[in-house]
Amino acid sequence: MDAESSEVTTTILVSNLHCGRQVPTIQDALASLSPPPSSVEVSIVTQSVTVQHSRALSPAVLKAAIDDAGYDILGTPVAEHGSLPPTSWSDSLASLSRIVLPRHAKHLENCAQ
């Protein structure tokens, strides 16, 4: 099996991704995984993280790394049954913005710099 066919692309929607200083934090969190992803693209505009990675690295592990870095995971653009997430972006963002958790300290520290 060649390297290309052993890799997959996973896109993760993140609700509290809003400034350029957050990009390296997410990239570093994912780069620390084993095996590390071959590519990480973070978009502030779409509030998404697109990761090219080995099949050995599960989407759940990617999400956990982003979550541990202090970011809120909304999900993936396509659910297992092929439909979009049930809530709209604006509804999700509005409800999540009212939640303040201790683990957000890393995120808030990063933005304050």
PDB file of N, CA and C in Angstrom:
ATOM      1  N   MET A   1       0.850  -1.180   0.000  1.00  0.00           N
ATOM      2  CA  MET A   1       0.000   0.000   0.000  1.00  0.00           C
ATOM      3  C   MET A   1       0.893   1.239   0.000  1.00  0.00           C
ATOM      4  N   ASP A   2       0.626   2.218  -0.860  1.00  0.00           N
ATOM      5  CA  ASP A   2       1.464   3.403  -0.884  1.00  0.00           C
ATOM      6  C   ASP A   2       1.032   4.413   0.187  1.00  0.00           C
ATOM      7  N   ALA A   3       1.909   5.383   0.456  1.00  0.00           N
ATOM      8  CA  ALA A   3       1.676   6.355   1.533  1.00  0.00           C
ATOM      9  C   ALA A   3       0.407   7.165   1.313  1.00  0.00           C
ATOM     10  N   GLU A   4       0.117   7.508   0.048  1.00  0.00           N
ATOM     11  CA  GLU A   4      -1.062   8.312  -0.235  1.00  0.00           C
ATOM     12  C   GLU A   4      -2.340   7.613   0.178  1.00  0.00           C
ATOM     13  N   SER A   5      -2.451   6.326  -0.127  1.00  0.00           N
ATOM     14  CA  SER A   5      -3.690   5.613   0.183  1.00  0.00           C
ATOM     15  C   SER A   5      -3.817   5.305   1.665  1.00  0.00           C
ATOM     16  N   SER A   6      -2.735   5.421   2.414  1.00  0.00           N
ATOM     17  CA  SER A   6      -2.809   5.160   3.851  1.00  0.00           C
ATOM     18  C   SER A   6      -3.127   6.433   4.635  1.00  0.00           C
ATOM     19  N   GLU A   7      -3.343   7.534   3.940  1.00  0.00           N
ATOM     20  CA  GLU A   7      -3.685   8.785   4.603  1.00  0.00           C
ATOM     21  C   GLU A   7      -5.133   9.173   4.321  1.00  0.00           C
ATOM     22  N   VAL A   8      -5.704   9.879   5.283  1.00  0.00           N
ATOM     23  CA  VAL A   8      -7.062  10.393   5.151  1.00  0.00           C
ATOM     24  C   VAL A   8      -7.064  11.873   5.529  1.00  0.00           C
ATOM     25  N   THR A   9      -8.131  12.549   5.167  1.00  0.00           N
ATOM     26  CA  THR A   9      -8.299  13.952   5.524  1.00  0.00           C
ATOM     27  C   THR A   9      -9.497  14.076   6.452  1.00  0.00           C
ATOM     28  N   THR A  10      -9.290  14.756   7.564  1.00  0.00           N
ATOM     29  CA  THR A  10     -10.363  14.989   8.523  1.00  0.00           C
ATOM     30  C   THR A  10     -10.490  16.489   8.734  1.00  0.00           C
ATOM     31  N   THR A  11     -11.713  17.001   8.656  1.00  0.00           N
ATOM     32  CA  THR A  11     -11.979  18.409   8.933  1.00  0.00           C
ATOM     33  C   THR A  11     -12.774  18.489  10.228  1.00  0.00           C
ATOM     34  N   ILE A  12     -12.315  19.367  11.115  1.00  0.00           N
ATOM     35  CA  ILE A  12     -12.940  19.532  12.424  1.00  0.00           C
ATOM     36  C   ILE A  12     -13.370  20.985  12.555  1.00  0.00           C
ATOM     37  N   LEU A  13     -14.623  21.195  12.954  1.00  0.00           N
ATOM     38  CA  LEU A  13     -15.149  22.542  13.152  1.00  0.00           C
ATOM     39  C   LEU A  13     -14.898  22.967  14.591  1.00  0.00           C
ATOM     40  N   VAL A  14     -14.349  24.174  14.755  1.00  0.00           N
ATOM     41  CA  VAL A  14     -13.963  24.684  16.070  1.00  0.00           C
ATOM     42  C   VAL A  14     -14.683  26.004  16.297  1.00  0.00           C
ATOM     43  N   SER A  15     -15.406  26.126  17.399  1.00  0.00           N
ATOM     44  CA  SER A  15     -16.243  27.317  17.585  1.00  0.00           C
ATOM     45  C   SER A  15     -15.489  28.556  18.038  1.00  0.00           C
ATOM     46  N   ASN A  16     -14.426  28.400  18.797  1.00  0.00           N
ATOM     47  CA  ASN A  16     -13.776  29.574  19.374  1.00  0.00           C
ATOM     48  C   ASN A  16     -12.404  29.838  18.764  1.00  0.00           C
ATOM     49  N   LEU A  17     -12.357  29.777  17.461  1.00  0.00           N
ATOM     50  CA  LEU A  17     -11.142  30.039  16.697  1.00  0.00           C
ATOM     51  C   LEU A  17     -11.315  31.396  16.028  1.00  0.00           C
ATOM     52  N   HIS A  18     -10.630  32.416  16.555  1.00  0.00           N
ATOM     53  CA  HIS A  18     -10.929  33.764  16.065  1.00  0.00           C
ATOM     54  C   HIS A  18      -9.730  34.669  15.835  1.00  0.00           C
ATOM     55  N   CYS A  19      -8.499  34.202  16.130  1.00  0.00           N
ATOM     56  CA  CYS A  19      -7.361  35.086  15.857  1.00  0.00           C
ATOM     57  C   CYS A  19      -6.151  34.279  15.382  1.00  0.00           C
ATOM     58  N   GLY A  20      -5.260  34.945  14.665  1.00  0.00           N
ATOM     59  CA  GLY A  20      -4.097  34.293  14.080  1.00  0.00           C
ATOM     60  C   GLY A  20      -3.152  33.663  15.087  1.00  0.00           C
ATOM     61  N   ARG A  21      -3.140  34.153  16.304  1.00  0.00           N
ATOM     62  CA  ARG A  21      -2.261  33.577  17.331  1.00  0.00           C
ATOM     63  C   ARG A  21      -2.664  32.166  17.705  1.00  0.00           C
ATOM     64  N   GLN A  22      -3.864  31.779  17.390  1.00  0.00           N
ATOM     65  CA  GLN A  22      -4.344  30.437  17.735  1.00  0.00           C
ATOM     66  C   GLN A  22      -3.853  29.385  16.753  1.00  0.00           C
ATOM     67  N   VAL A  23      -3.493  29.788  15.562  1.00  0.00           N
ATOM     68  CA  VAL A  23      -3.085  28.837  14.527  1.00  0.00           C
ATOM     69  C   VAL A  23      -1.896  27.984  14.969  1.00  0.00           C
ATOM     70  N   PRO A  24      -0.770  28.586  15.419  1.00  0.00           N
ATOM     71  CA  PRO A  24       0.361  27.747  15.827  1.00  0.00           C
ATOM     72  C   PRO A  24       0.055  26.865  17.039  1.00  0.00           C
ATOM     73  N   THR A  25      -0.831  27.317  17.916  1.00  0.00           N
ATOM     74  CA  THR A  25      -1.194  26.506  19.079  1.00  0.00           C
ATOM     75  C   THR A  25      -1.849  25.204  18.635  1.00  0.00           C
ATOM     76  N   ILE A  26      -2.764  25.309  17.698  1.00  0.00           N
ATOM     77  CA  ILE A  26      -3.447  24.110  17.190  1.00  0.00           C
ATOM     78  C   ILE A  26      -2.478  23.260  16.381  1.00  0.00           C
ATOM     79  N   GLN A  27      -1.663  23.882  15.553  1.00  0.00           N
ATOM     80  CA  GLN A  27      -0.685  23.122  14.762  1.00  0.00           C
ATOM     81  C   GLN A  27       0.282  22.371  15.670  1.00  0.00           C
ATOM     82  N   ASP A  28       0.762  23.019  16.727  1.00  0.00           N
ATOM     83  CA  ASP A  28       1.687  22.367  17.663  1.00  0.00           C
ATOM     84  C   ASP A  28       1.019  21.221  18.413  1.00  0.00           C
ATOM     85  N   ALA A  29      -0.231  21.422  18.829  1.00  0.00           N
ATOM     86  CA  ALA A  29      -0.956  20.365  19.544  1.00  0.00           C
ATOM     87  C   ALA A  29      -1.089  19.125  18.667  1.00  0.00           C
ATOM     88  N   LEU A  30      -1.391  19.326  17.390  1.00  0.00           N
ATOM     89  CA  LEU A  30      -1.548  18.185  16.483  1.00  0.00           C
ATOM     90  C   LEU A  30      -0.196  17.585  16.089  1.00  0.00           C
ATOM     91  N   ALA A  31       0.830  18.418  15.956  1.00  0.00           N
ATOM     92  CA  ALA A  31       2.166  17.927  15.591  1.00  0.00           C
ATOM     93  C   ALA A  31       2.756  17.029  16.674  1.00  0.00           C
ATOM     94  N   SER A  32       2.290  17.189  17.906  1.00  0.00           N
ATOM     95  CA  SER A  32       2.817  16.389  19.011  1.00  0.00           C
ATOM     96  C   SER A  32       2.246  14.969  19.041  1.00  0.00           C
ATOM     97  N   LEU A  33       1.259  14.691  18.194  1.00  0.00           N
ATOM     98  CA  LEU A  33       0.638  13.369  18.160  1.00  0.00           C
ATOM     99  C   LEU A  33       1.554  12.364  17.463  1.00  0.00           C
ATOM    100  N   SER A  34       1.289  11.098  17.729  1.00  0.00           N
ATOM    101  CA  SER A  34       2.080  10.044  17.087  1.00  0.00           C
ATOM    102  C   SER A  34       1.155   9.048  16.409  1.00  0.00           C
ATOM    103  N   PRO A  35       1.311   8.876  15.127  1.00  0.00           N
ATOM    104  CA  PRO A  35       2.220   9.574  14.221  1.00  0.00           C
ATOM    105  C   PRO A  35       1.706  10.994  13.960  1.00  0.00           C
ATOM    106  N   PRO A  36       2.615  11.931  13.729  1.00  0.00           N
ATOM    107  CA  PRO A  36       2.164  13.310  13.486  1.00  0.00           C
ATOM    108  C   PRO A  36       1.457  13.426  12.132  1.00  0.00           C
ATOM    109  N   PRO A  37       0.504  14.340  12.032  1.00  0.00           N
ATOM    110  CA  PRO A  37      -0.169  14.565  10.744  1.00  0.00           C
ATOM    111  C   PRO A  37       0.828  15.055   9.701  1.00  0.00           C
ATOM    112  N   SER A  38       0.559  14.764   8.437  1.00  0.00           N
ATOM    113  CA  SER A  38       1.434  15.243   7.373  1.00  0.00           C
ATOM    114  C   SER A  38       1.103  16.681   6.986  1.00  0.00           C
ATOM    115  N   SER A  39      -0.122  17.138   7.313  1.00  0.00           N
ATOM    116  CA  SER A  39      -0.535  18.496   6.964  1.00  0.00           C
ATOM    117  C   SER A  39      -1.631  18.953   7.927  1.00  0.00           C
ATOM    118  N   VAL A  40      -1.529  20.216   8.368  1.00  0.00           N
ATOM    119  CA  VAL A  40      -2.562  20.819   9.215  1.00  0.00           C
ATOM    120  C   VAL A  40      -2.868  22.202   8.662  1.00  0.00           C
ATOM    121  N   GLU A  41      -4.111  22.425   8.271  1.00  0.00           N
ATOM    122  CA  GLU A  41      -4.542  23.730   7.780  1.00  0.00           C
ATOM    123  C   GLU A  41      -5.601  24.272   8.731  1.00  0.00           C
ATOM    124  N   VAL A  42      -5.351  25.443   9.295  1.00  0.00           N
ATOM    125  CA  VAL A  42      -6.276  26.062  10.234  1.00  0.00           C
ATOM    126  C   VAL A  42      -6.872  27.292   9.561  1.00  0.00           C
ATOM    127  N   SER A  43      -8.196  27.376   9.518  1.00  0.00           N
ATOM    128  CA  SER A  43      -8.876  28.521   8.909  1.00  0.00           C
ATOM    129  C   SER A  43      -9.680  29.269   9.956  1.00  0.00           C
ATOM    130  N   ILE A  44      -9.290  30.513  10.183  1.00  0.00           N
ATOM    131  CA  ILE A  44     -10.043  31.368  11.099  1.00  0.00           C
ATOM    132  C   ILE A  44     -11.375  31.758  10.462  1.00  0.00           C
ATOM    133  N   VAL A  45     -11.377  31.939   9.155  1.00  0.00           N
ATOM    134  CA  VAL A  45     -12.577  32.351   8.433  1.00  0.00           C
ATOM    135  C   VAL A  45     -13.690  31.309   8.558  1.00  0.00           C
ATOM    136  N   THR A  46     -13.352  30.034   8.330  1.00  0.00           N
ATOM    137  CA  THR A  46     -14.368  28.980   8.396  1.00  0.00           C
ATOM    138  C   THR A  46     -14.397  28.289   9.753  1.00  0.00           C
ATOM    139  N   GLN A  47     -13.521  28.708  10.653  1.00  0.00           N
ATOM    140  CA  GLN A  47     -13.387  28.109  11.977  1.00  0.00           C
ATOM    141  C   GLN A  47     -13.272  26.588  11.868  1.00  0.00           C
ATOM    142  N   SER A  48     -12.299  26.185  11.043  1.00  0.00           N
ATOM    143  CA  SER A  48     -12.103  24.756  10.821  1.00  0.00           C
ATOM    144  C   SER A  48     -10.620  24.408  10.826  1.00  0.00           C
ATOM    145  N   VAL A  49     -10.359  23.149  11.123  1.00  0.00           N
ATOM    146  CA  VAL A  49      -9.012  22.597  11.081  1.00  0.00           C
ATOM    147  C   VAL A  49      -9.083  21.382  10.166  1.00  0.00           C
ATOM    148  N   THR A  50      -8.309  21.393   9.087  1.00  0.00           N
ATOM    149  CA  THR A  50      -8.286  20.280   8.148  1.00  0.00           C
ATOM    150  C   THR A  50      -6.938  19.596   8.283  1.00  0.00           C
ATOM    151  N   VAL A  51      -6.995  18.295   8.562  1.00  0.00           N
ATOM    152  CA  VAL A  51      -5.794  17.530   8.884  1.00  0.00           C
ATOM    153  C   VAL A  51      -5.643  16.363   7.925  1.00  0.00           C
ATOM    154  N   GLN A  52      -4.489  16.269   7.288  1.00  0.00           N
ATOM    155  CA  GLN A  52      -4.120  15.108   6.464  1.00  0.00           C
ATOM    156  C   GLN A  52      -3.291  14.225   7.395  1.00  0.00           C
ATOM    157  N   HIS A  53      -3.728  12.981   7.595  1.00  0.00           N
ATOM    158  CA  HIS A  53      -3.072  12.143   8.590  1.00  0.00           C
ATOM    159  C   HIS A  53      -3.158  10.662   8.246  1.00  0.00           C
ATOM    160  N   SER A  54      -2.309   9.910   8.902  1.00  0.00           N
ATOM    161  CA  SER A  54      -2.296   8.459   8.759  1.00  0.00           C
ATOM    162  C   SER A  54      -3.615   7.883   9.282  1.00  0.00           C
ATOM    163  N   ARG A  55      -4.045   6.780   8.702  1.00  0.00           N
ATOM    164  CA  ARG A  55      -5.239   6.100   9.199  1.00  0.00           C
ATOM    165  C   ARG A  55      -5.044   5.628  10.642  1.00  0.00           C
ATOM    166  N   ALA A  56      -3.785   5.483  11.049  1.00  0.00           N
ATOM    167  CA  ALA A  56      -3.480   5.046  12.420  1.00  0.00           C
ATOM    168  C   ALA A  56      -3.834   6.116  13.451  1.00  0.00           C
ATOM    169  N   LEU A  57      -4.004   7.350  13.000  1.00  0.00           N
ATOM    170  CA  LEU A  57      -4.350   8.462  13.885  1.00  0.00           C
ATOM    171  C   LEU A  57      -5.838   8.742  13.710  1.00  0.00           C
ATOM    172  N   SER A  58      -6.625   8.417  14.705  1.00  0.00           N
ATOM    173  CA  SER A  58      -8.081   8.525  14.563  1.00  0.00           C
ATOM    174  C   SER A  58      -8.570   9.967  14.698  1.00  0.00           C
ATOM    175  N   PRO A  59      -9.715  10.277  14.078  1.00  0.00           N
ATOM    176  CA  PRO A  59     -10.309  11.607  14.241  1.00  0.00           C
ATOM    177  C   PRO A  59     -10.580  11.937  15.711  1.00  0.00           C
ATOM    178  N   ALA A  60     -10.918  10.934  16.517  1.00  0.00           N
ATOM    179  CA  ALA A  60     -11.168  11.172  17.943  1.00  0.00           C
ATOM    180  C   ALA A  60      -9.911  11.687  18.641  1.00  0.00           C
ATOM    181  N   VAL A  61      -8.750  11.178  18.259  1.00  0.00           N
ATOM    182  CA  VAL A  61      -7.485  11.632  18.842  1.00  0.00           C
ATOM    183  C   VAL A  61      -7.198  13.066  18.400  1.00  0.00           C
ATOM    184  N   LEU A  62      -7.477  13.390  17.144  1.00  0.00           N
ATOM    185  CA  LEU A  62      -7.292  14.759  16.648  1.00  0.00           C
ATOM    186  C   LEU A  62      -8.173  15.720  17.441  1.00  0.00           C
ATOM    187  N   LYS A  63      -9.434  15.352  17.605  1.00  0.00           N
ATOM    188  CA  LYS A  63     -10.377  16.203  18.335  1.00  0.00           C
ATOM    189  C   LYS A  63      -9.936  16.383  19.785  1.00  0.00           C
ATOM    190  N   ALA A  64      -9.458  15.308  20.405  1.00  0.00           N
ATOM    191  CA  ALA A  64      -9.012  15.391  21.801  1.00  0.00           C
ATOM    192  C   ALA A  64      -7.826  16.343  21.939  1.00  0.00           C
ATOM    193  N   ALA A  65      -6.906  16.315  20.986  1.00  0.00           N
ATOM    194  CA  ALA A  65      -5.735  17.203  21.040  1.00  0.00           C
ATOM    195  C   ALA A  65      -6.165  18.663  20.926  1.00  0.00           C
ATOM    196  N   ILE A  66      -7.109  18.949  20.041  1.00  0.00           N
ATOM    197  CA  ILE A  66      -7.603  20.319  19.871  1.00  0.00           C
ATOM    198  C   ILE A  66      -8.377  20.748  21.117  1.00  0.00           C
ATOM    199  N   ASP A  67      -9.179  19.854  21.648  1.00  0.00           N
ATOM    200  CA  ASP A  67      -9.939  20.111  22.869  1.00  0.00           C
ATOM    201  C   ASP A  67      -8.993  20.392  24.045  1.00  0.00           C
ATOM    202  N   ASP A  68      -7.955  19.576  24.188  1.00  0.00           N
ATOM    203  CA  ASP A  68      -6.975  19.750  25.266  1.00  0.00           C
ATOM    204  C   ASP A  68      -6.224  21.077  25.149  1.00  0.00           C
ATOM    205  N   ALA A  69      -6.106  21.593  23.937  1.00  0.00           N
ATOM    206  CA  ALA A  69      -5.441  22.888  23.727  1.00  0.00           C
ATOM    207  C   ALA A  69      -6.357  24.061  24.086  1.00  0.00           C
ATOM    208  N   GLY A  70      -7.620  23.758  24.455  1.00  0.00           N
ATOM    209  CA  GLY A  70      -8.540  24.794  24.916  1.00  0.00           C
ATOM    210  C   GLY A  70      -9.573  25.259  23.921  1.00  0.00           C
ATOM    211  N   TYR A  71      -9.794  24.482  22.866  1.00  0.00           N
ATOM    212  CA  TYR A  71     -10.744  24.886  21.832  1.00  0.00           C
ATOM    213  C   TYR A  71     -11.979  24.001  21.866  1.00  0.00           C
ATOM    214  N   ASP A  72     -13.113  24.577  21.506  1.00  0.00           N
ATOM    215  CA  ASP A  72     -14.383  23.861  21.525  1.00  0.00           C
ATOM    216  C   ASP A  72     -14.666  23.226  20.172  1.00  0.00           C
ATOM    217  N   ILE A  73     -14.835  21.930  20.184  1.00  0.00           N
ATOM    218  CA  ILE A  73     -15.118  21.170  18.968  1.00  0.00           C
ATOM    219  C   ILE A  73     -16.621  21.183  18.722  1.00  0.00           C
ATOM    220  N   LEU A  74     -17.012  21.615  17.522  1.00  0.00           N
ATOM    221  CA  LEU A  74     -18.417  21.550  17.131  1.00  0.00           C
ATOM    222  C   LEU A  74     -18.736  20.221  16.476  1.00  0.00           C
ATOM    223  N   GLY A  75     -17.756  19.633  15.818  1.00  0.00           N
ATOM    224  CA  GLY A  75     -17.963  18.369  15.120  1.00  0.00           C
ATOM    225  C   GLY A  75     -17.229  18.382  13.804  1.00  0.00           C
ATOM    226  N   THR A  76     -17.732  17.574  12.905  1.00  0.00           N
ATOM    227  CA  THR A  76     -17.184  17.512  11.559  1.00  0.00           C
ATOM    228  C   THR A  76     -18.288  17.923  10.597  1.00  0.00           C
ATOM    229  N   PRO A  77     -17.928  18.429   9.419  1.00  0.00           N
ATOM    230  CA  PRO A  77     -18.959  18.918   8.489  1.00  0.00           C
ATOM    231  C   PRO A  77     -19.976  17.869   8.075  1.00  0.00           C
ATOM    232  N   VAL A  78     -19.585  16.612   8.016  1.00  0.00           N
ATOM    233  CA  VAL A  78     -20.508  15.553   7.615  1.00  0.00           C
ATOM    234  C   VAL A  78     -20.554  14.517   8.714  1.00  0.00           C
ATOM    235  N   ALA A  79     -21.732  14.267   9.219  1.00  0.00           N
ATOM    236  CA  ALA A  79     -21.909  13.269  10.270  1.00  0.00           C
ATOM    237  C   ALA A  79     -21.837  11.872   9.663  1.00  0.00           C
ATOM    238  N   GLU A  80     -21.819  10.850  10.526  1.00  0.00           N
ATOM    239  CA  GLU A  80     -21.701   9.485  10.020  1.00  0.00           C
ATOM    240  C   GLU A  80     -22.791   9.108   9.021  1.00  0.00           C
ATOM    241  N   HIS A  81     -23.986   9.621   9.173  1.00  0.00           N
ATOM    242  CA  HIS A  81     -25.039   9.280   8.232  1.00  0.00           C
ATOM    243  C   HIS A  81     -25.108  10.225   7.050  1.00  0.00           C
ATOM    244  N   GLY A  82     -24.083  11.059   6.871  1.00  0.00           N
ATOM    245  CA  GLY A  82     -23.987  11.887   5.681  1.00  0.00           C
ATOM    246  C   GLY A  82     -24.779  13.180   5.719  1.00  0.00           C
ATOM    247  N   SER A  83     -25.241  13.594   6.901  1.00  0.00           N
ATOM    248  CA  SER A  83     -25.990  14.842   6.971  1.00  0.00           C
ATOM    249  C   SER A  83     -25.178  15.887   7.718  1.00  0.00           C
ATOM    250  N   LEU A  84     -25.558  17.129   7.554  1.00  0.00           N
ATOM    251  CA  LEU A  84     -24.871  18.210   8.250  1.00  0.00           C
ATOM    252  C   LEU A  84     -25.257  18.197   9.725  1.00  0.00           C
ATOM    253  N   PRO A  85     -24.420  18.794  10.584  1.00  0.00           N
ATOM    254  CA  PRO A  85     -24.772  18.870  11.993  1.00  0.00           C
ATOM    255  C   PRO A  85     -26.132  19.542  12.168  1.00  0.00           C
ATOM    256  N   PRO A  86     -26.894  19.164  13.202  1.00  0.00           N
ATOM    257  CA  PRO A  86     -28.262  19.641  13.343  1.00  0.00           C
ATOM    258  C   PRO A  86     -28.390  21.119  13.667  1.00  0.00           C
ATOM    259  N   THR A  87     -27.376  21.759  14.234  1.00  0.00           N
ATOM    260  CA  THR A  87     -27.504  23.167  14.592  1.00  0.00           C
ATOM    261  C   THR A  87     -26.823  24.044  13.560  1.00  0.00           C
ATOM    262  N   SER A  88     -27.280  25.268  13.476  1.00  0.00           N
ATOM    263  CA  SER A  88     -26.642  26.208  12.564  1.00  0.00           C
ATOM    264  C   SER A  88     -25.386  26.760  13.220  1.00  0.00           C
ATOM    265  N   TRP A  89     -24.502  27.338  12.414  1.00  0.00           N
ATOM    266  CA  TRP A  89     -23.286  27.947  12.950  1.00  0.00           C
ATOM    267  C   TRP A  89     -23.630  29.007  13.977  1.00  0.00           C
ATOM    268  N   SER A  90     -24.553  29.888  13.636  1.00  0.00           N
ATOM    269  CA  SER A  90     -24.855  30.995  14.547  1.00  0.00           C
ATOM    270  C   SER A  90     -25.434  30.501  15.865  1.00  0.00           C
ATOM    271  N   ASP A  91     -26.304  29.485  15.819  1.00  0.00           N
ATOM    272  CA  ASP A  91     -26.860  28.927  17.051  1.00  0.00           C
ATOM    273  C   ASP A  91     -25.771  28.280  17.894  1.00  0.00           C
ATOM    274  N   SER A  92     -24.896  27.507  17.251  1.00  0.00           N
ATOM    275  CA  SER A  92     -23.818  26.835  17.974  1.00  0.00           C
ATOM    276  C   SER A  92     -22.880  27.843  18.610  1.00  0.00           C
ATOM    277  N   LEU A  93     -22.487  28.843  17.851  1.00  0.00           N
ATOM    278  CA  LEU A  93     -21.554  29.837  18.363  1.00  0.00           C
ATOM    279  C   LEU A  93     -22.174  30.651  19.489  1.00  0.00           C
ATOM    280  N   ALA A  94     -23.435  31.002  19.351  1.00  0.00           N
ATOM    281  CA  ALA A  94     -24.094  31.793  20.384  1.00  0.00           C
ATOM    282  C   ALA A  94     -24.181  31.016  21.692  1.00  0.00           C
ATOM    283  N   SER A  95     -24.523  29.754  21.620  1.00  0.00           N
ATOM    284  CA  SER A  95     -24.651  28.972  22.855  1.00  0.00           C
ATOM    285  C   SER A  95     -23.296  28.666  23.462  1.00  0.00           C
ATOM    286  N   LEU A  96     -22.298  28.373  22.646  1.00  0.00           N
ATOM    287  CA  LEU A  96     -20.980  28.045  23.178  1.00  0.00           C
ATOM    288  C   LEU A  96     -20.260  29.267  23.730  1.00  0.00           C
ATOM    289  N   SER A  97     -20.552  30.433  23.205  1.00  0.00           N
ATOM    290  CA  SER A  97     -19.854  31.634  23.678  1.00  0.00           C
ATOM    291  C   SER A  97     -20.241  31.981  25.107  1.00  0.00           C
ATOM    292  N   ARG A  98     -21.349  31.458  25.598  1.00  0.00           N
ATOM    293  CA  ARG A  98     -21.767  31.724  26.977  1.00  0.00           C
ATOM    294  C   ARG A  98     -21.102  30.783  27.973  1.00  0.00           C
ATOM    295  N   ILE A  99     -20.441  29.752  27.490  1.00  0.00           N
ATOM    296  CA  ILE A  99     -19.809  28.762  28.363  1.00  0.00           C
ATOM    297  C   ILE A  99     -18.355  29.151  28.583  1.00  0.00           C
ATOM    298  N   VAL A 100     -17.950  29.246  29.832  1.00  0.00           N
ATOM    299  CA  VAL A 100     -16.555  29.518  30.149  1.00  0.00           C
ATOM    300  C   VAL A 100     -16.060  28.376  31.031  1.00  0.00           C
ATOM    301  N   LEU A 101     -15.089  27.628  30.526  1.00  0.00           N
ATOM    302  CA  LEU A 101     -14.553  26.490  31.246  1.00  0.00           C
ATOM    303  C   LEU A 101     -13.112  26.754  31.654  1.00  0.00           C
ATOM    304  N   PRO A 102     -12.648  26.128  32.747  1.00  0.00           N
ATOM    305  CA  PRO A 102     -11.259  26.318  33.175  1.00  0.00           C
ATOM    306  C   PRO A 102     -10.240  25.952  32.097  1.00  0.00           C
ATOM    307  N   ARG A 103     -10.538  24.970  31.261  1.00  0.00           N
ATOM    308  CA  ARG A 103      -9.577  24.552  30.242  1.00  0.00           C
ATOM    309  C   ARG A 103      -9.359  25.606  29.158  1.00  0.00           C
ATOM    310  N   HIS A 104     -10.212  26.630  29.139  1.00  0.00           N
ATOM    311  CA  HIS A 104     -10.039  27.711  28.170  1.00  0.00           C
ATOM    312  C   HIS A 104      -8.892  28.644  28.537  1.00  0.00           C
ATOM    313  N   ALA A 105      -8.290  28.428  29.692  1.00  0.00           N
ATOM    314  CA  ALA A 105      -7.204  29.308  30.135  1.00  0.00           C
ATOM    315  C   ALA A 105      -6.076  29.362  29.110  1.00  0.00           C
ATOM    316  N   LYS A 106      -5.674  28.200  28.540  1.00  0.00           N
ATOM    317  CA  LYS A 106      -4.614  28.171  27.520  1.00  0.00           C
ATOM    318  C   LYS A 106      -5.005  29.038  26.327  1.00  0.00           C
ATOM    319  N   HIS A 107      -6.226  28.872  25.898  1.00  0.00           N
ATOM    320  CA  HIS A 107      -6.744  29.608  24.751  1.00  0.00           C
ATOM    321  C   HIS A 107      -6.722  31.105  25.032  1.00  0.00           C
ATOM    322  N   LEU A 108      -7.249  31.512  26.168  1.00  0.00           N
ATOM    323  CA  LEU A 108      -7.325  32.922  26.505  1.00  0.00           C
ATOM    324  C   LEU A 108      -5.953  33.531  26.713  1.00  0.00           C
ATOM    325  N   GLU A 109      -5.026  32.771  27.314  1.00  0.00           N
ATOM    326  CA  GLU A 109      -3.653  33.239  27.489  1.00  0.00           C
ATOM    327  C   GLU A 109      -3.016  33.525  26.135  1.00  0.00           C
ATOM    328  N   ASN A 110      -3.241  32.621  25.199  1.00  0.00           N
ATOM    329  CA  ASN A 110      -2.663  32.749  23.866  1.00  0.00           C
ATOM    330  C   ASN A 110      -3.172  33.994  23.159  1.00  0.00           C
ATOM    331  N   CYS A 111      -4.442  34.284  23.292  1.00  0.00           N
ATOM    332  CA  CYS A 111      -5.029  35.447  22.631  1.00  0.00           C
ATOM    333  C   CYS A 111      -4.574  36.761  23.254  1.00  0.00           C
ATOM    334  N   ALA A 112      -4.277  36.727  24.548  1.00  0.00           N
ATOM    335  CA  ALA A 112      -3.897  37.945  25.257  1.00  0.00           C
ATOM    336  C   ALA A 112      -2.473  38.390  24.930  1.00  0.00           C
ATOM    337  N   GLN A 113      -1.663  37.506  24.360  1.00  0.00           N
ATOM    338  CA  GLN A 113      -0.272  37.839  24.077  1.00  0.00           C
ATOM    339  C   GLN A 113      -0.132  38.762  22.900  1.00  0.00           C
TER     340      GLN A 113
END
